Amino acid sequence: MTDYLSYLGLWGYVVDTSEDTADLSPDIGNYTTKTTVDSTTTTVVDNLRHSTDNRQWNKGNAQALATIQLRLADSIRSKYEDKTSTRETWEILTKDYPETTVPIIFAEFKKAIAFKLSGGDPAPEFATQDQRYADLDRNGCALSDFVRAMINVAVVPQKWETTVQQNFNVSGTEKLTLESVNKLIIAAHQNKQYIFN
């Protein structure tokens, strides 16, 4: 959500403490201030600081608030519909939902086990899968290196299966690590010989 609000130029309404600053849109105003939020520095455009007319701020706040509310599940949206401040809404949401939820972790887990190799260069596809594993680790759902390796072996395209299986027969499971499996599959893609070591 933070990335989406930033992309829309609306994150400034979440981090702002008063109704006299504008959003993050770089094309609005000439003055900037620094505000620290979650240990990151966000530039908040401050073109309404001395203005008596806050219509632009009110419009931006309404857009940011509507963006947050529209992205909420129907079952919880009504709890936040009476809020008029983007910042207040965000603070309540972060109190109500401080951690990654089980459905989000499960969705990441499903992506990890549904991983497929296209048959092209596997290196960038492994990088994407490694990011999924890192997300699972960060959210308390770490998979062992052996399980990660087995998931990656399970997605080997048929044209590389023989090479992979021959190596398993030679080396056994004690050397079956994510790194060695990925190297083996990349070598098979490049028509090179790779032996577990």
Protein backbone atom coordinates (compact mmCIF):
# COMPACT_ATOMS: atom_id res chain seq x y z
CA MET A 1 0.00 0.00 0.00
CA THR A 2 2.81 2.42 0.82
CA ASP A 3 4.38 1.89 -2.60
CA TYR A 4 1.04 2.42 -4.31
CA LEU A 5 0.34 5.66 -2.42
CA SER A 6 3.87 6.85 -3.18
CA TYR A 7 3.42 6.00 -6.85
CA LEU A 8 0.23 8.08 -6.92
CA GLY A 9 2.01 10.93 -5.13
CA LEU A 10 -0.26 10.62 -2.09
CA TRP A 11 2.06 9.23 0.60
CA GLY A 12 2.66 12.76 1.93
CA TYR A 13 -0.88 12.83 3.27
CA VAL A 14 -0.16 9.75 5.37
CA VAL A 15 3.06 11.08 6.89
CA ASP A 16 1.86 14.68 7.26
CA THR A 17 0.99 15.92 10.74
CA SER A 18 -0.96 19.00 9.75
CA GLU A 19 -3.38 20.10 7.11
CA ASP A 20 -1.04 22.72 5.72
CA THR A 21 1.31 20.57 3.64
CA ALA A 22 0.69 19.06 0.25
CA ASP A 23 1.40 15.68 -1.23
CA LEU A 24 4.55 14.15 -2.66
CA SER A 25 3.84 15.25 -6.23
CA PRO A 26 7.10 16.78 -7.44
CA ASP A 27 5.33 19.28 -9.71
CA ILE A 28 3.49 21.04 -6.87
CA GLY A 29 5.14 23.87 -4.97
CA ASN A 30 8.67 25.04 -4.47
CA TYR A 31 9.33 24.34 -0.78
CA THR A 32 10.30 21.01 0.75
CA THR A 33 10.71 19.71 4.25
CA LYS A 34 12.05 16.38 5.52
CA THR A 35 9.91 14.07 7.62
CA THR A 36 11.17 10.76 9.03
CA VAL A 37 8.72 7.88 8.90
CA ASP A 38 9.59 4.25 9.59
CA SER A 39 13.30 5.12 9.40
CA THR A 40 13.03 6.35 5.82
CA THR A 41 13.18 9.95 4.79
CA THR A 42 10.27 11.20 2.74
CA THR A 43 10.22 14.56 1.04
CA VAL A 44 6.93 16.31 1.69
CA VAL A 45 6.12 19.15 -0.68
CA ASP A 46 5.13 22.17 1.39
CA ASN A 47 3.47 24.59 -1.01
CA LEU A 48 0.47 25.37 1.20
CA ARG A 49 2.34 26.12 4.43
CA HIS A 50 1.44 29.83 4.41
CA SER A 51 -1.78 29.60 2.44
CA THR A 52 -5.18 30.27 3.94
CA ASP A 53 -6.83 28.23 1.20
CA ASN A 54 -6.32 24.53 1.84
CA ARG A 55 -8.63 23.29 -0.90
CA GLN A 56 -5.78 21.57 -2.70
CA TRP A 57 -4.67 19.81 0.50
CA ASN A 58 -8.25 18.74 1.22
CA LYS A 59 -8.60 17.34 -2.30
CA GLY A 60 -5.33 15.39 -2.03
CA ASN A 61 -6.22 14.10 1.44
CA ALA A 62 -9.59 12.92 0.11
CA GLN A 63 -7.86 11.14 -2.80
CA ALA A 64 -5.37 9.42 -0.49
CA LEU A 65 -8.10 8.43 1.94
CA ALA A 66 -10.31 7.06 -0.83
CA THR A 67 -7.36 5.12 -2.25
CA ILE A 68 -6.78 3.44 1.11
CA GLN A 69 -10.46 2.73 1.69
CA LEU A 70 -10.99 1.28 -1.79
CA ARG A 71 -8.15 -1.18 -1.25
CA LEU A 72 -9.63 -2.48 2.00
CA ALA A 73 -11.67 -5.67 2.06
CA ASP A 74 -15.42 -5.08 2.12
CA SER A 75 -15.64 -6.80 5.49
CA ILE A 76 -13.50 -4.12 7.21
CA ARG A 77 -14.07 -1.03 5.06
CA SER A 78 -17.07 0.21 7.10
CA LYS A 79 -14.85 0.55 10.19
CA TYR A 80 -12.82 3.26 8.43
CA GLU A 81 -15.47 5.02 6.33
CA ASP A 82 -16.14 7.78 8.89
CA LYS A 83 -12.48 8.85 9.02
CA THR A 84 -11.59 12.19 7.43
CA SER A 85 -7.82 12.16 7.92
CA THR A 86 -5.55 9.94 5.88
CA ARG A 87 -2.95 9.95 8.65
CA GLU A 88 -5.49 8.94 11.31
CA THR A 89 -6.83 6.15 9.10
CA TRP A 90 -3.30 4.87 8.43
CA GLU A 91 -2.39 4.92 12.13
CA ILE A 92 -5.51 2.96 13.06
CA LEU A 93 -4.86 0.44 10.27
CA THR A 94 -1.28 -0.13 11.41
CA LYS A 95 -2.51 -0.68 14.98
CA ASP A 96 -5.29 -3.04 13.86
CA TYR A 97 -3.05 -5.00 11.44
CA PRO A 98 0.52 -4.73 12.72
CA GLU A 99 1.85 -7.92 11.17
CA THR A 100 1.66 -9.75 7.91
CA THR A 101 -1.45 -11.88 7.99
CA VAL A 102 -1.66 -15.63 7.47
CA PRO A 103 -3.48 -15.23 4.12
CA ILE A 104 -0.62 -13.07 2.82
CA ILE A 105 1.99 -15.57 3.99
CA PHE A 106 -0.04 -18.41 2.49
CA ALA A 107 -0.28 -16.56 -0.85
CA GLU A 108 3.53 -16.20 -0.89
CA PHE A 109 3.90 -19.87 0.03
CA LYS A 110 1.58 -20.89 -2.81
CA LYS A 111 3.64 -18.81 -5.26
CA ALA A 112 6.81 -20.51 -4.03
CA ILE A 113 5.49 -24.05 -4.46
CA ALA A 114 3.76 -23.22 -7.76
CA PHE A 115 7.08 -22.04 -9.21
CA LYS A 116 7.71 -23.14 -12.80
CA LEU A 117 10.71 -22.79 -15.04
CA SER A 118 9.95 -21.57 -18.56
CA GLY A 119 12.72 -23.54 -20.27
CA GLY A 120 14.66 -20.35 -20.98
CA ASP A 121 17.51 -18.99 -18.89
CA PRO A 122 16.69 -20.15 -15.35
CA ALA A 123 18.96 -17.65 -13.54
CA PRO A 124 16.49 -14.72 -13.46
CA GLU A 125 13.66 -17.11 -12.60
CA PHE A 126 15.69 -18.45 -9.67
CA ALA A 127 16.32 -14.86 -8.53
CA THR A 128 12.57 -14.28 -8.41
CA GLN A 129 12.07 -17.53 -6.50
CA ASP A 130 14.86 -16.60 -4.08
CA GLN A 131 12.97 -13.37 -3.33
CA ARG A 132 9.87 -15.42 -2.50
CA TYR A 133 11.92 -17.56 -0.14
CA ALA A 134 13.32 -14.39 1.50
CA ASP A 135 9.78 -13.02 1.92
CA LEU A 136 8.70 -16.27 3.57
CA ASP A 137 11.76 -16.16 5.87
CA ARG A 138 10.99 -12.57 6.87
CA ASN A 139 7.40 -13.49 7.67
CA GLY A 140 8.27 -16.45 9.90
CA CYS A 141 7.67 -19.20 7.34
CA ALA A 142 11.20 -20.30 6.57
CA LEU A 143 11.63 -23.37 4.41
CA SER A 144 14.73 -25.50 4.89
CA ASP A 145 17.40 -25.40 2.21
CA PHE A 146 16.60 -29.04 1.36
CA VAL A 147 12.88 -28.24 0.81
CA ARG A 148 13.79 -25.24 -1.34
CA ALA A 149 16.10 -27.44 -3.40
CA MET A 150 13.36 -30.05 -3.83
CA ILE A 151 10.89 -27.40 -5.01
CA ASN A 152 13.39 -26.20 -7.60
CA VAL A 153 14.11 -29.77 -8.72
CA ALA A 154 10.39 -30.42 -9.12
CA VAL A 155 10.13 -27.68 -11.76
CA VAL A 156 12.92 -28.87 -14.03
CA PRO A 157 11.71 -28.89 -17.64
CA GLN A 158 11.60 -32.33 -19.23
CA LYS A 159 14.52 -31.55 -21.55
CA TRP A 160 16.83 -31.21 -18.50
CA GLU A 161 15.41 -34.03 -16.35
CA THR A 162 17.93 -36.68 -17.44
CA THR A 163 20.91 -34.50 -16.54
CA VAL A 164 19.45 -33.64 -13.14
CA GLN A 165 18.47 -37.24 -12.30
CA GLN A 166 21.89 -38.60 -13.27
CA ASN A 167 23.53 -36.22 -10.84
CA PHE A 168 21.18 -37.23 -8.04
CA ASN A 169 22.09 -40.89 -8.52
CA VAL A 170 25.78 -40.05 -8.24
CA SER A 171 25.82 -37.64 -5.33
CA GLY A 172 22.89 -38.58 -3.08
CA THR A 173 20.71 -36.28 -1.02
CA GLU A 174 23.34 -35.05 1.45
CA LYS A 175 24.67 -32.69 -1.22
CA LEU A 176 21.25 -31.59 -2.39
CA THR A 177 21.27 -27.88 -1.58
CA LEU A 178 19.45 -25.01 -3.24
CA GLU A 179 22.73 -23.59 -4.54
CA SER A 180 23.88 -26.90 -6.03
CA VAL A 181 20.48 -27.58 -7.64
CA ASN A 182 20.37 -24.11 -9.18
CA LYS A 183 23.94 -24.49 -10.51
CA LEU A 184 23.04 -27.89 -11.96
CA ILE A 185 19.93 -26.58 -13.72
CA ILE A 186 21.76 -23.52 -15.06
CA ALA A 187 24.53 -25.81 -16.36
CA ALA A 188 21.90 -28.06 -18.02
CA HIS A 189 20.43 -24.96 -19.68
CA GLN A 190 23.88 -24.03 -20.96
CA ASN A 191 24.53 -27.63 -22.09
CA LYS A 192 27.45 -27.89 -19.66
CA GLN A 193 28.39 -30.69 -17.29
CA TYR A 194 27.95 -30.01 -13.59
CA ILE A 195 28.68 -32.46 -10.83
CA PHE A 196 27.60 -31.92 -7.23
CA ASN A 197 30.64 -31.40 -5.04
